[in-house]
Protein backbone atom coordinates (compact mmCIF):
# COMPACT_ATOMS: atom_id res chain seq x y z
CA MET A 1 -2.10 37.02 10.34
CA LEU A 2 -2.22 33.64 12.13
CA LEU A 3 -4.43 32.13 9.43
CA ARG A 4 -2.12 33.45 6.71
CA TRP A 5 0.88 31.94 8.52
CA ARG A 6 -0.87 28.58 8.87
CA THR A 7 -1.89 28.54 5.24
CA GLY A 8 1.64 29.43 4.15
CA ILE A 9 3.06 26.46 6.06
CA ALA A 10 0.54 24.09 4.48
CA ILE A 11 1.22 25.38 0.96
CA GLY A 12 4.98 25.12 1.47
CA ALA A 13 4.64 21.60 2.88
CA THR A 14 2.53 20.57 -0.11
CA LYS A 15 5.20 21.82 -2.53
CA LEU A 16 7.88 19.99 -0.57
CA ILE A 17 5.89 16.75 -0.69
CA LEU A 18 5.34 17.13 -4.42
CA GLY A 19 9.06 17.79 -4.92
CA LEU A 20 9.84 14.56 -3.09
CA GLY A 21 7.21 12.87 -5.24
CA VAL A 22 9.03 14.03 -8.36
CA LEU A 23 12.29 12.56 -7.01
CA PHE A 24 10.60 9.28 -6.07
CA TYR A 25 8.82 8.71 -9.38
CA GLY A 26 11.86 9.93 -11.32
CA TRP A 27 14.07 7.42 -9.50
CA MET A 28 11.54 4.62 -10.06
CA THR A 29 11.27 5.47 -13.77
CA ILE A 30 15.04 5.36 -14.30
CA GLN A 31 15.73 2.26 -12.20
CA SER A 32 12.76 0.29 -13.57
CA PHE A 33 13.81 1.13 -17.11
CA ILE A 34 17.43 0.10 -16.49
CA ASN A 35 16.38 -3.17 -14.82
CA SER A 36 13.87 -3.99 -17.56
CA GLY A 37 16.62 -4.08 -20.17
CA LYS A 38 17.90 -7.44 -18.92
CA TRP A 39 14.52 -9.06 -19.60
CA PHE A 40 14.33 -7.84 -23.19
CA ASP A 41 16.79 -7.86 -26.08
CA SER A 42 17.41 -4.13 -25.74
CA HIS A 43 16.20 -1.01 -23.96
CA GLY A 44 14.75 0.12 -27.28
CA ILE A 45 12.31 -2.78 -27.14
CA VAL A 46 11.39 -1.75 -23.60
CA LEU A 47 10.56 1.74 -24.88
CA ALA A 48 8.46 0.27 -27.66
CA TRP A 49 6.46 -1.84 -25.22
CA VAL A 50 5.99 1.10 -22.86
CA ALA A 51 4.74 3.22 -25.76
CA ALA A 52 2.34 0.41 -26.69
CA ALA A 53 1.10 0.18 -23.09
CA ALA A 54 0.56 3.95 -22.96
CA SER A 55 -1.34 3.75 -26.26
CA LEU A 56 -3.62 1.12 -24.77
CA PHE A 57 -4.46 3.50 -21.93
CA VAL A 58 -5.30 6.18 -24.51
CA LEU A 59 -7.57 3.74 -26.32
CA ALA A 60 -9.17 2.59 -23.06
CA ASP A 61 -9.88 6.18 -22.03
CA VAL A 62 -11.53 6.92 -25.38
CA LEU A 63 -13.60 3.74 -25.42
CA MET A 64 -14.76 3.99 -21.81
CA SER A 65 -15.67 7.67 -22.20
CA ARG A 66 -17.66 6.97 -25.34
CA PHE A 67 -19.23 3.56 -24.81
CA LEU A 68 -19.19 3.00 -21.04
CA PRO A 69 -20.53 6.13 -19.37
CA GLY A 70 -21.11 6.39 -15.63
CA TRP A 71 -21.15 3.21 -13.59
CA ARG A 72 -20.71 0.96 -16.65
CA ALA A 73 -17.01 1.76 -16.91
CA ILE A 74 -16.14 0.77 -13.35
CA ALA A 75 -18.41 -2.28 -13.63
CA PHE A 76 -16.38 -3.37 -16.65
CA VAL A 77 -13.09 -2.74 -14.83
CA LEU A 78 -14.20 -4.71 -11.77
CA GLY A 79 -15.49 -7.54 -13.93
CA LEU A 80 -12.15 -7.69 -15.74
CA ALA A 81 -10.25 -7.63 -12.45
CA PHE A 82 -12.34 -10.45 -10.99
CA ALA A 83 -12.10 -12.60 -14.12
CA LEU A 84 -8.32 -12.32 -14.45
CA ARG A 85 -7.78 -13.22 -10.80
CA LEU A 86 -10.27 -16.08 -10.87
CA VAL A 87 -8.67 -17.63 -13.95
CA TRP A 88 -5.26 -17.37 -12.28
CA ILE A 89 -6.17 -19.17 -9.06
CA LEU A 90 -8.03 -21.88 -10.99
CA THR A 91 -5.12 -22.57 -13.35
CA VAL A 92 -2.12 -22.06 -11.06
CA ASN A 93 -2.09 -24.41 -8.08
CA THR A 94 0.15 -22.49 -5.69
CA GLN A 95 0.96 -24.29 -2.47
CA PRO A 96 1.93 -22.35 0.67
CA VAL A 97 5.61 -22.27 1.62
CA SER A 98 7.79 -20.44 4.14
CA ASP A 99 5.81 -18.12 6.46
CA PHE A 100 2.66 -18.73 4.42
CA LEU A 101 2.85 -22.44 5.30
CA ASP A 102 3.40 -21.70 8.99
CA MET A 103 0.29 -19.54 9.11
CA TYR A 104 -1.82 -21.95 7.04
CA SER A 105 -0.83 -24.89 9.25
CA ALA A 106 -1.80 -22.84 12.30
CA ALA A 107 -5.12 -22.00 10.64
CA GLN A 108 -5.84 -25.69 10.08
CA SER A 109 -5.23 -26.32 13.77
CA ALA A 110 -7.40 -23.38 14.82
CA ALA A 111 -10.23 -24.66 12.62
CA VAL A 112 -10.46 -27.81 14.74
CA GLY A 113 -10.11 -25.97 18.05
CA ASP A 114 -6.40 -26.52 18.65
CA PHE A 115 -4.72 -23.20 19.52
CA SER A 116 -1.50 -24.64 20.91
CA PHE A 117 0.38 -23.20 17.91
CA GLY A 118 0.33 -19.86 19.73
CA THR A 119 3.25 -21.05 21.85
CA ASN A 120 5.39 -22.62 19.11
CA ASP A 121 8.71 -21.14 17.98
CA TYR A 122 7.25 -19.26 15.00
CA PHE A 123 4.41 -17.49 16.80
CA THR A 124 6.37 -16.70 19.94
CA ARG A 125 8.90 -14.96 17.71
CA TRP A 126 6.39 -13.34 15.36
CA VAL A 127 3.37 -13.10 17.64
CA TYR A 128 1.77 -10.39 15.49
CA GLN A 129 1.08 -13.02 12.79
CA LEU A 130 -1.58 -14.61 15.01
CA GLY A 131 -4.31 -12.32 13.70
CA PHE A 132 -4.02 -13.53 10.14
CA ALA A 133 -3.67 -17.18 11.16
CA LEU A 134 -6.88 -16.91 13.19
CA TYR A 135 -8.64 -15.24 10.26
CA GLU A 136 -7.67 -18.11 7.99
CA GLY A 137 -8.67 -20.56 10.72
CA PHE A 138 -12.14 -19.03 10.97
CA ILE A 139 -12.63 -19.30 7.20
CA LEU A 140 -11.53 -22.94 7.23
CA TYR A 141 -13.83 -23.64 10.20
CA VAL A 142 -16.82 -22.22 8.32
CA SER A 143 -16.06 -23.66 4.88
CA GLY A 144 -14.10 -26.80 5.65
CA ASP A 145 -10.43 -27.40 4.99
CA HIS A 146 -10.50 -26.05 1.43
CA MET A 147 -7.57 -23.87 0.42
CA LEU A 148 -9.52 -22.71 -2.66
CA VAL A 149 -11.96 -20.81 -0.44
CA LEU A 150 -9.10 -18.70 0.94
CA LYS A 151 -7.90 -18.01 -2.59
CA LEU A 152 -11.41 -17.03 -3.70
CA LEU A 153 -11.49 -14.55 -0.82
CA ASN A 154 -8.18 -13.18 -2.10
CA VAL A 155 -9.84 -12.64 -5.48
CA ALA A 156 -12.76 -10.83 -3.85
CA LEU A 157 -10.52 -8.66 -1.68
CA ASN A 158 -8.25 -7.78 -4.60
CA THR A 159 -11.22 -6.84 -6.75
CA ALA A 160 -12.55 -4.64 -3.94
CA THR A 161 -9.11 -3.03 -3.70
CA VAL A 162 -9.32 -2.21 -7.41
CA TYR A 163 -12.53 -0.33 -6.64
CA LEU A 164 -10.79 1.60 -3.86
CA VAL A 165 -8.04 2.61 -6.29
CA TYR A 166 -10.70 3.88 -8.68
CA ALA A 167 -12.50 5.72 -5.88
CA MET A 168 -9.36 7.39 -4.48
CA ALA A 169 -8.22 8.55 -7.91
CA ALA A 170 -11.69 9.80 -8.86
CA LEU A 171 -11.94 11.67 -5.57
CA SER A 172 -8.54 13.28 -6.08
CA PHE A 173 -8.42 13.96 -9.83
CA GLY A 174 -11.80 13.23 -11.36
CA GLU A 175 -13.79 10.38 -12.88
CA ARG A 176 -11.51 9.78 -15.89
CA SER A 177 -8.49 9.38 -13.64
CA GLY A 178 -10.46 6.99 -11.49
CA ARG A 179 -11.29 4.76 -14.44
CA ILE A 180 -7.67 4.70 -15.64
CA ALA A 181 -6.36 3.98 -12.13
CA GLY A 182 -8.86 1.16 -11.67
CA LEU A 183 -7.98 -0.34 -15.05
CA ALA A 184 -4.24 -0.18 -14.30
CA MET A 185 -4.77 -1.96 -10.98
CA ALA A 186 -7.11 -4.50 -12.57
CA VAL A 187 -4.44 -5.72 -15.00
CA TYR A 188 -1.44 -5.31 -12.66
CA ALA A 189 0.35 -8.65 -12.99
CA PRO A 190 1.88 -9.02 -9.47
CA GLN A 191 -1.46 -8.55 -7.73
CA ILE A 192 -3.04 -11.11 -10.06
CA MET A 193 -0.22 -13.58 -9.42
CA MET A 194 -0.28 -13.10 -5.65
CA GLY A 195 -3.97 -14.01 -5.59
CA SER A 196 -3.00 -17.68 -5.39
CA VAL A 197 -0.57 -17.03 -2.53
CA LEU A 198 -1.90 -17.20 1.03
CA THR A 199 -0.35 -13.92 2.13
CA ASN A 200 -1.84 -11.49 4.62
CA GLN A 201 -1.27 -8.65 2.15
CA HIS A 202 -4.64 -9.12 0.43
CA ILE A 203 -6.86 -8.45 3.42
CA SER A 204 -4.56 -5.90 5.07
CA THR A 205 -4.18 -3.83 1.90
CA PHE A 206 -7.93 -3.69 1.40
CA PHE A 207 -8.72 -2.53 4.94
CA PHE A 208 -5.78 -0.13 5.19
CA PHE A 209 -6.87 1.64 2.04
CA LEU A 210 -10.54 1.49 2.93
CA GLY A 211 -9.61 3.37 6.09
CA LEU A 212 -7.62 5.94 4.12
CA TYR A 213 -10.41 6.31 1.60
CA LEU A 214 -12.87 7.06 4.41
CA VAL A 215 -10.48 9.74 5.66
CA MET A 216 -10.10 11.21 2.17
CA ARG A 217 -13.85 11.12 1.56
CA GLY A 218 -14.83 12.52 4.91
CA GLY A 219 -11.95 14.88 5.54
CA GLY A 220 -10.41 15.77 2.22
CA GLY A 221 -8.74 19.02 1.33
CA LEU A 222 -12.00 20.98 1.08
CA SER A 223 -13.45 19.68 4.32
CA LEU A 224 -10.33 20.05 6.42
CA GLY A 225 -9.10 23.22 4.82
CA ALA A 226 -12.09 25.39 4.10
CA GLY A 227 -13.89 25.23 7.42
CA ARG A 228 -16.83 23.14 6.26
CA MET A 229 -16.88 20.35 8.78
CA ALA A 230 -20.18 18.94 9.95
CA GLY A 231 -22.29 21.54 11.73
CA GLU A 232 -20.34 24.51 10.34
CA ALA A 233 -21.92 27.24 8.32
CA GLY A 234 -22.35 26.33 4.68
CA SER A 235 -22.33 22.56 5.17
CA THR A 236 -24.63 20.55 2.96
CA ARG A 237 -26.63 17.59 4.21
CA GLY A 238 -24.24 15.21 2.42
CA GLU A 239 -21.24 16.81 4.09
CA ARG A 240 -22.87 16.64 7.52
CA PHE A 241 -23.58 12.95 7.01
CA SER A 242 -20.10 12.09 5.77
CA LEU A 243 -18.37 13.95 8.57
CA ARG A 244 -20.25 12.65 11.59
CA TYR A 245 -18.24 10.97 14.25
CA GLY A 246 -19.21 7.52 13.00
CA TRP A 247 -17.32 8.17 9.79
CA TRP A 248 -14.08 8.59 11.72
CA VAL A 249 -14.82 5.60 13.95
CA ALA A 250 -15.18 3.49 10.79
CA ALA A 251 -11.81 4.74 9.51
CA GLY A 252 -10.15 3.80 12.82
CA LEU A 253 -11.80 0.37 12.78
CA CYS A 254 -10.52 -0.32 9.26
CA LEU A 255 -6.96 0.68 10.13
CA GLY A 256 -7.11 -1.36 13.33
CA LEU A 257 -8.44 -4.46 11.60
CA ALA A 258 -5.82 -4.18 8.87
CA ASN A 259 -3.06 -4.00 11.48
CA TRP A 260 -4.34 -7.21 13.06
CA MET A 261 -3.66 -8.87 9.72
CA ARG A 262 -0.32 -7.21 8.91
CA PRO A 263 1.55 -4.97 11.37
CA MET A 264 1.95 -1.88 9.21
CA GLY A 265 -0.59 0.27 10.99
CA SER A 266 1.97 2.62 12.49
CA LEU A 267 3.02 3.80 9.03
CA PHE A 268 -0.57 4.37 7.89
CA VAL A 269 -1.52 6.16 11.09
CA LEU A 270 1.59 8.34 10.86
CA ALA A 271 0.71 9.31 7.28
CA PHE A 272 -2.81 10.12 8.43
CA LEU A 273 -1.53 12.29 11.30
CA CYS A 274 0.85 14.23 9.05
CA TYR A 275 -2.01 14.80 6.62
CA ALA A 276 -4.36 15.87 9.39
CA VAL A 277 -1.94 18.30 11.02
CA MET A 278 -0.98 19.87 7.72
CA TYR A 279 -4.51 20.57 6.62
CA LEU A 280 -5.78 21.60 9.99
CA LEU A 281 -3.31 24.44 9.47
CA TRP A 282 -4.78 25.19 6.04
CA GLY A 283 -7.88 27.15 7.00
CA ARG A 284 -9.54 30.43 6.27
CA GLY A 285 -12.01 32.67 7.99
CA GLN A 286 -13.23 32.91 11.55
CA VAL A 287 -15.39 29.80 11.17
CA ALA A 288 -12.30 27.69 10.48
CA GLN A 289 -10.60 29.19 13.53
CA ARG A 290 -13.55 28.49 15.86
CA MET A 291 -14.09 24.94 14.64
CA LEU A 292 -10.45 23.88 14.88
CA TRP A 293 -10.96 21.93 18.09
CA LYS A 294 -13.90 20.00 16.62
CA ARG A 295 -11.82 18.98 13.64
CA GLY A 296 -9.03 17.88 15.95
CA LEU A 297 -11.48 15.79 17.98
CA ARG A 298 -12.81 14.01 14.93
CA LEU A 299 -9.33 13.23 13.71
CA ALA A 300 -8.25 12.03 17.17
CA ILE A 301 -11.10 9.49 17.09
CA VAL A 302 -9.31 7.60 14.33
CA VAL A 303 -6.17 7.15 16.42
CA VAL A 304 -8.03 6.33 19.63
CA VAL A 305 -10.15 3.63 17.96
CA TYR A 306 -7.04 2.18 16.33
CA VAL A 307 -5.12 2.00 19.64
CA VAL A 308 -8.08 0.55 21.54
CA MET A 309 -8.46 -2.18 18.92
CA GLN A 310 -4.81 -3.20 19.21
CA GLN A 311 -4.91 -3.31 22.99
CA GLY A 312 -8.24 -5.13 23.00
CA ALA A 313 -7.05 -7.85 20.63
CA SER A 314 -3.85 -8.29 22.61
CA LEU A 315 -5.69 -8.67 25.91
CA ALA A 316 -8.27 -11.03 24.40
CA LEU A 317 -5.67 -13.41 22.99
CA GLN A 318 -3.78 -13.42 26.27
CA ALA A 319 -6.93 -13.94 28.31
CA THR A 320 -8.01 -16.91 26.19
CA GLY A 321 -4.59 -18.53 26.43
CA VAL A 322 -3.78 -18.40 22.70
CA THR A 323 -0.58 -16.55 23.54
CA ALA A 324 1.18 -15.37 26.65
CA GLN A 325 2.58 -12.30 24.89
CA PRO A 326 1.00 -9.03 23.84
CA LEU A 327 0.55 -8.48 20.09
CA HIS A 328 3.74 -6.57 19.54
CA ASN A 329 7.07 -7.22 17.87
CA PRO A 330 9.20 -9.12 20.40
CA GLU A 331 12.33 -8.49 18.28
CA PRO A 332 12.17 -4.78 17.42
CA TYR A 333 15.72 -4.66 16.01
CA TRP A 334 15.38 -7.63 13.65
CA LYS A 335 13.99 -5.80 10.61
CA PHE A 336 16.58 -3.03 10.97
CA MET A 337 19.47 -5.43 11.53
CA VAL A 338 18.58 -7.44 8.41
CA GLY A 339 17.82 -4.30 6.45
CA LEU A 340 21.39 -3.12 7.07
CA ASN A 341 23.01 -6.38 5.95
CA PRO A 342 25.31 -5.40 3.04
CA VAL A 343 25.78 -8.99 1.88
CA THR A 344 22.07 -9.55 1.13
CA ASN A 345 21.39 -5.93 0.09
CA GLY A 346 18.99 -5.58 2.98
CA GLY A 347 17.10 -8.77 2.20
CA TRP A 348 16.40 -11.77 4.43
CA SER A 349 19.55 -13.48 5.66
CA GLN A 350 19.97 -17.11 6.71
CA GLU A 351 23.23 -16.23 8.46
CA ASP A 352 21.53 -13.50 10.50
CA THR A 353 18.79 -15.95 11.45
CA GLU A 354 21.25 -18.57 12.64
CA TYR A 355 23.24 -15.95 14.52
CA VAL A 356 20.34 -14.56 16.56
CA LEU A 357 18.72 -17.94 17.29
CA GLN A 358 21.70 -18.90 19.42
CA PHE A 359 20.50 -16.35 21.98
CA PRO A 360 17.40 -16.91 24.11
CA GLN A 361 14.42 -14.82 23.12
CA GLY A 362 14.04 -11.65 25.12
CA ASP A 363 16.53 -9.08 26.34
CA GLU A 364 19.59 -11.14 25.43
CA ARG A 365 18.55 -11.70 21.81
CA ASN A 366 17.40 -8.11 21.43
CA ALA A 367 20.75 -6.89 22.75
CA ALA A 368 22.62 -9.07 20.24
CA GLU A 369 20.47 -7.81 17.35
CA ARG A 370 20.86 -4.22 18.47
CA GLN A 371 24.63 -4.55 18.68
CA LEU A 372 24.89 -6.09 15.21
CA MET A 373 22.68 -3.28 13.86
CA LEU A 374 24.95 -0.66 15.45
CA ASP A 375 28.05 -2.38 14.10
CA ARG A 376 26.66 -2.18 10.59
CA LEU A 377 25.68 1.45 11.05
CA ALA A 378 29.22 2.32 12.15
CA ASP A 379 30.59 1.99 8.60
CA ARG A 380 29.00 5.08 7.08
CA GLU A 381 30.42 4.57 3.59
CA GLN A 382 29.09 1.04 3.52
CA VAL A 383 25.67 2.22 4.73
CA GLN A 384 25.50 4.87 2.00
CA ASP A 385 26.35 2.33 -0.69
CA LEU A 386 23.80 -0.09 0.75
CA LEU A 387 21.12 2.59 0.79
CA VAL A 388 21.57 3.25 -2.93
CA ARG A 389 21.52 -0.46 -3.75
CA LYS A 390 18.36 -0.99 -1.71
CA LEU A 391 16.57 1.89 -3.38
CA LYS A 392 17.53 0.49 -6.77
CA LEU A 393 16.24 -2.96 -5.88
CA MET A 394 13.07 -1.93 -4.08
CA TRP A 395 11.89 0.47 -6.76
CA GLY A 396 13.62 -0.83 -9.85
CA ALA A 397 13.89 -4.62 -9.68
CA GLU A 398 11.30 -7.09 -10.92
CA ASP A 399 8.53 -8.06 -8.52
CA SER A 400 9.02 -11.42 -6.80
CA ALA A 401 5.33 -12.34 -7.11
CA TYR A 402 6.16 -14.78 -9.91
CA MET A 403 8.47 -16.70 -7.57
CA TRP A 404 5.90 -17.11 -4.81
CA SER A 405 2.99 -18.00 -7.08
CA LEU A 406 4.92 -20.37 -9.39
CA TRP A 407 6.98 -21.97 -6.61
CA GLU A 408 8.49 -25.28 -7.85
CA GLN A 409 6.10 -25.42 -10.83
CA HIS A 410 8.86 -25.29 -13.47
CA ARG A 411 7.09 -23.08 -16.00
CA PRO A 412 9.96 -20.93 -17.30
CA ASP A 413 8.17 -19.58 -20.39
CA LEU A 414 5.18 -18.38 -18.39
CA GLN A 415 7.49 -16.95 -15.75
CA GLN A 416 9.45 -14.94 -18.31
CA GLN A 417 6.31 -13.55 -19.92
CA LEU A 418 4.93 -12.51 -16.55
CA ILE A 419 8.17 -10.77 -15.59
CA ARG A 420 8.23 -8.91 -18.90
CA THR A 421 4.64 -7.84 -18.43
CA GLU A 422 5.33 -6.57 -14.93
CA ARG A 423 8.44 -4.71 -16.10
CA VAL A 424 6.50 -2.83 -18.79
CA GLN A 425 3.76 -2.03 -16.29
CA ALA A 426 6.29 -0.78 -13.75
CA VAL A 427 8.05 1.56 -16.18
CA THR A 428 4.73 2.87 -17.51
CA ALA A 429 3.32 3.47 -14.03
CA ALA A 430 6.49 5.25 -12.88
CA TRP A 431 6.48 7.45 -15.99
CA PHE A 432 2.82 8.37 -15.52
CA GLY A 433 3.49 9.11 -11.86
CA LEU A 434 6.40 11.39 -12.70
CA VAL A 435 4.21 13.36 -15.12
CA ALA A 436 1.50 13.64 -12.44
CA MET A 437 3.92 15.01 -9.84
CA LEU A 438 5.38 17.55 -12.28
CA VAL A 439 1.93 18.74 -13.36
CA LEU A 440 0.77 19.19 -9.77
CA LEU A 441 3.97 20.97 -8.79
CA VAL A 442 3.96 23.34 -11.77
CA ARG A 443 0.30 24.28 -11.79
CA GLY A 444 -0.05 24.46 -8.00
CA THR A 445 -2.85 23.13 -5.81
CA SER A 446 -5.70 24.70 -3.91
CA MET A 447 -7.42 23.70 -0.69
CA GLU A 448 -9.98 21.81 -2.74
CA GLU A 449 -7.28 19.57 -4.24
CA THR A 450 -5.37 18.31 -1.23
CA ARG A 451 -6.74 14.79 -0.92
CA PHE A 452 -4.00 13.30 -3.11
CA THR A 453 -1.35 14.23 -0.53
CA LEU A 454 -2.50 11.48 1.86
CA PRO A 455 -1.60 8.54 -0.45
CA LEU A 456 1.50 10.46 -1.56
CA MET A 457 2.74 10.89 2.02
CA LEU A 458 2.06 7.20 2.64
CA LEU A 459 4.03 6.22 -0.45
CA LEU A 460 6.98 8.43 0.50
CA GLY A 461 6.94 7.18 4.08
CA PHE A 462 6.88 3.58 2.89
CA ALA A 463 9.89 4.23 0.65
CA ALA A 464 11.77 5.95 3.48
CA ILE A 465 11.24 3.20 6.06
CA HIS A 466 12.21 0.47 3.59
CA ALA A 467 15.49 2.24 2.98
CA VAL A 468 16.55 1.01 6.42
CA ILE A 469 14.50 -2.14 7.15
CA GLU A 470 14.37 -5.51 5.41
CA ILE A 471 13.16 -5.37 1.81
CA GLN A 472 11.39 -7.70 -0.60
CA THR A 473 9.98 -6.46 -3.89
CA ARG A 474 6.65 -8.15 -3.13
CA TYR A 475 6.25 -5.64 -0.30
CA ARG A 476 5.44 -3.02 -2.95
CA MET A 477 1.98 -4.57 -3.07
CA ASP A 478 1.29 -2.93 0.31
CA VAL A 479 1.28 0.56 -1.23
CA MET A 480 0.54 -0.18 -4.88
CA PRO A 481 -3.01 1.23 -4.58
CA ALA A 482 -1.50 4.59 -3.62
CA LEU A 483 0.98 4.48 -6.49
CA MET A 484 -1.73 3.57 -9.02
CA ALA A 485 -4.16 6.21 -7.78
CA LEU A 486 -1.51 8.92 -8.03
CA HIS A 487 -0.17 7.90 -11.45
CA SER A 488 -3.61 8.15 -13.07
CA LEU A 489 -3.41 11.94 -13.34
CA GLY A 490 -0.23 11.60 -15.39
CA ALA A 491 -1.94 9.13 -17.71
CA ILE A 492 -4.86 11.51 -18.28
CA CYS A 493 -2.54 14.47 -18.89
CA LEU A 494 -0.57 12.49 -21.47
CA VAL A 495 -3.79 11.38 -23.13
CA ASP A 496 -5.03 14.96 -23.38
CA TRP A 497 -1.69 16.24 -24.67
CA GLY A 498 -1.64 13.48 -27.26
CA ARG A 499 -5.12 14.39 -28.47
CA LYS A 500 -4.14 18.04 -28.79
CA MET A 501 -1.07 17.16 -30.81
CA LEU A 502 -3.06 14.90 -33.12
CA GLY A 503 -5.66 17.62 -33.55
CA LYS A 504 -3.04 19.91 -35.06
CA PHE A 505 -2.42 17.58 -37.98
């Protein structure tokens, strides 16, 4: 009875998550399509380009299945991804600006042994950016003061992320989906453009999703749900290897390292915990019941390693005198206060910045930010309108990657073509994702098919938190691997349906 009750909760939760996935991808499809119209002569042209893009995926699936079997297909995809990104950084000379310049300047100082930047205005306010600045500083120390080396590392990290997208999709939906997901990520314009921008998103995205992939590989739906953890009856040698404690330590290390680079670890860990709890409930048989505590221990390792890494890095930087503060957010209300600004639609605000800087950092500034946040929350009608506008912008507007990568380069024709490319890709990806969610919801899922819920929960959580905190469309890059991995099933379903329809004529 208890096992049946647990399984029922997990099945119901899976259906709820898929229902939310339908709403998310449906919203993204509609808003992306509406927004894309302003970049083309008509929405009919947008539809034509989306149809052409979908046809290219059909052709790619056929060609890779026929002429690039096995590892050859992913080798081709990775080669394409690397080449596109390399050409971009060699032909577009992006210079760091804004926060990217602050961190690069700090890295240059760190490379020559000067760590006094840790106490300047920028890093005392945003102390959690120290990890990325020190990473860049180490690279410059090893290679010399050559910005190109950092951009080449971006290319390598982005190409590795393409492989992770392939691997997550293949693990969830099969090899064909993996190839399509990898190809979609390989040609995704914003990630290519951001390769020349010195943002912490490249390294953090890779390690965050490497950690999630390790969780999916070592503790996917079958392993967590069917009572086949390492040492349990029926385990194969491969399963025992993949589910040893070291596997979970590695996942925690990846999540911890990623959070050093970009402080989004709480969201990823929360998605992991929701996934873990849900599928610990989804068990069967007495073996699953007896081994529940062992599963819980392995999953707890991920969180413990992650927390220890954060505390260790914080203590180390304080002990060495780089900073006097722990690696936390000294202004916890800032992102929420700005995210509730109706004038900027939840985007960065110069007025908000000037307002809070008149207060000394610490309790007084935090109190002022908190009060302004509460004042904005008090007008419920305004908050509701703002929420809708933010969701439209975050999931429907053009990506700002073109702005950061082509900063002050005055190349309007190239900029327009890149925006149009990204708009077609966004509508196509959203449409594929909507089909994937509907297929999974209608046909149902078994314990062996639960891995996809981890990236889906992450994507939904990311959308929810950005409904209330500061938004920029370039932030979508942080979860684009999840979106691409999930949308691949929709692409494959559409390909198969298209083939069946053609076969009737």
